[in-house]
Protein backbone atom coordinates (compact mmCIF):
# COMPACT_ATOMS: atom_id res chain seq x y z
CA UNK A 1 -12.87 13.87 10.09
CA UNK A 2 -15.53 11.47 9.08
CA UNK A 3 -15.40 9.02 6.26
CA UNK A 4 -17.96 7.24 4.19
CA UNK A 5 -15.95 4.10 4.19
CA UNK A 6 -12.55 2.92 5.20
CA UNK A 7 -10.60 0.29 3.25
CA UNK A 8 -7.99 -1.64 4.82
CA UNK A 9 -5.19 -2.76 2.51
CA UNK A 10 -3.03 -5.80 3.69
CA UNK A 11 0.44 -6.18 2.22
CA UNK A 12 1.83 -9.13 0.47
CA UNK A 13 5.23 -8.87 -0.28
CA UNK A 14 7.50 -6.99 -2.91
CA UNK A 15 9.16 -8.61 -5.71
CA UNK A 16 13.18 -8.41 -6.19
CA UNK A 17 12.64 -5.25 -8.13
CA UNK A 18 10.69 -3.56 -5.15
CA UNK A 19 7.41 -3.90 -6.91
CA UNK A 20 4.12 -5.14 -5.51
CA UNK A 21 3.42 -8.84 -5.84
CA UNK A 22 0.36 -9.50 -8.20
CA UNK A 23 -1.98 -10.13 -5.39
CA UNK A 24 -0.98 -7.00 -3.68
CA UNK A 25 -1.31 -5.06 -6.67
CA UNK A 26 -4.95 -6.61 -7.38
CA UNK A 27 -5.79 -5.14 -3.72
CA UNK A 28 -4.48 -1.78 -4.67
CA UNK A 29 -6.42 -2.02 -7.92
CA UNK A 30 -9.61 -2.90 -6.11
CA UNK A 31 -9.13 0.15 -4.13
CA UNK A 32 -8.57 2.42 -6.94
CA UNK A 33 -11.81 1.09 -8.71
CA UNK A 34 -14.07 1.18 -5.45
CA UNK A 35 -13.18 4.06 -3.33
CA UNK A 36 -14.17 7.62 -3.54
CA UNK A 37 -12.66 11.07 -2.34
CA UNK A 38 -15.05 10.30 0.85
CA UNK A 39 -13.39 7.12 1.76
CA UNK A 40 -10.22 6.56 3.95
CA UNK A 41 -7.53 3.99 2.77
CA UNK A 42 -5.02 2.43 5.25
CA UNK A 43 -2.43 0.65 3.66
CA UNK A 44 -0.75 -1.88 6.20
CA UNK A 45 2.47 -3.54 6.16
CA UNK A 46 6.22 -2.76 6.53
CA UNK A 47 7.38 -5.82 5.14
CA UNK A 48 6.48 -9.42 4.59
CA UNK A 49 7.92 -12.16 6.70
CA UNK A 50 7.84 -14.57 3.69
CA UNK A 51 10.74 -12.87 1.98
CA UNK A 52 13.58 -10.59 3.22
CA UNK A 53 12.74 -6.55 3.20
CA UNK A 54 13.78 -5.22 -0.10
CA UNK A 55 16.32 -2.41 0.32
CA UNK A 56 16.08 1.24 -1.62
CA UNK A 57 18.95 2.85 -3.45
CA UNK A 58 19.61 4.71 -0.13
CA UNK A 59 19.97 1.49 1.88
CA UNK A 60 16.78 1.57 3.70
CA UNK A 61 14.06 -1.10 3.97
CA UNK A 62 11.18 -0.42 1.46
CA UNK A 63 7.73 0.13 3.03
CA UNK A 64 5.18 -2.13 1.54
CA UNK A 65 2.47 0.31 2.74
CA UNK A 66 4.40 3.39 1.05
CA UNK A 67 4.72 1.57 -2.12
CA UNK A 68 1.08 0.35 -2.26
CA UNK A 69 0.14 4.17 -1.55
CA UNK A 70 2.23 5.27 -4.44
CA UNK A 71 0.69 2.86 -6.66
CA UNK A 72 -2.71 3.91 -5.53
CA UNK A 73 -2.16 7.51 -6.34
CA UNK A 74 -0.48 6.71 -9.81
CA UNK A 75 -3.86 4.77 -10.50
CA UNK A 76 -5.81 7.68 -9.70
CA UNK A 77 -6.70 7.25 -6.05
CA UNK A 78 -7.01 10.45 -4.00
CA UNK A 79 -4.11 11.14 -1.72
CA UNK A 80 -5.78 13.19 0.83
CA UNK A 81 -7.44 10.20 2.81
CA UNK A 82 -4.38 7.81 2.93
CA UNK A 83 -2.97 6.41 6.08
CA UNK A 84 0.17 4.17 6.25
CA UNK A 85 0.37 1.55 8.94
CA UNK A 86 3.99 0.50 9.09
CA UNK A 87 4.52 -1.52 12.17
CA UNK A 88 3.08 -4.88 11.05
CA UNK A 89 5.12 -7.62 9.34
């Protein structure tokens, strides 16, 4: 598969409610505004070392990459070309 551009979005921590930090949200919003269906987006971060991982209702750590991806899609970003990198911290 060939893409016009590839955007790599780094995590930045989640708040106590499991929502994106202001600067991580700003990165996602930048991608929403500047990507097209021909671009790929890589969301990168399992969790931030600066804060303890947030835990979901089922007892598992929340993935920052997944939270960013969900926000991107809610904002109108295309889900077809999203890649999650869940190994980095």
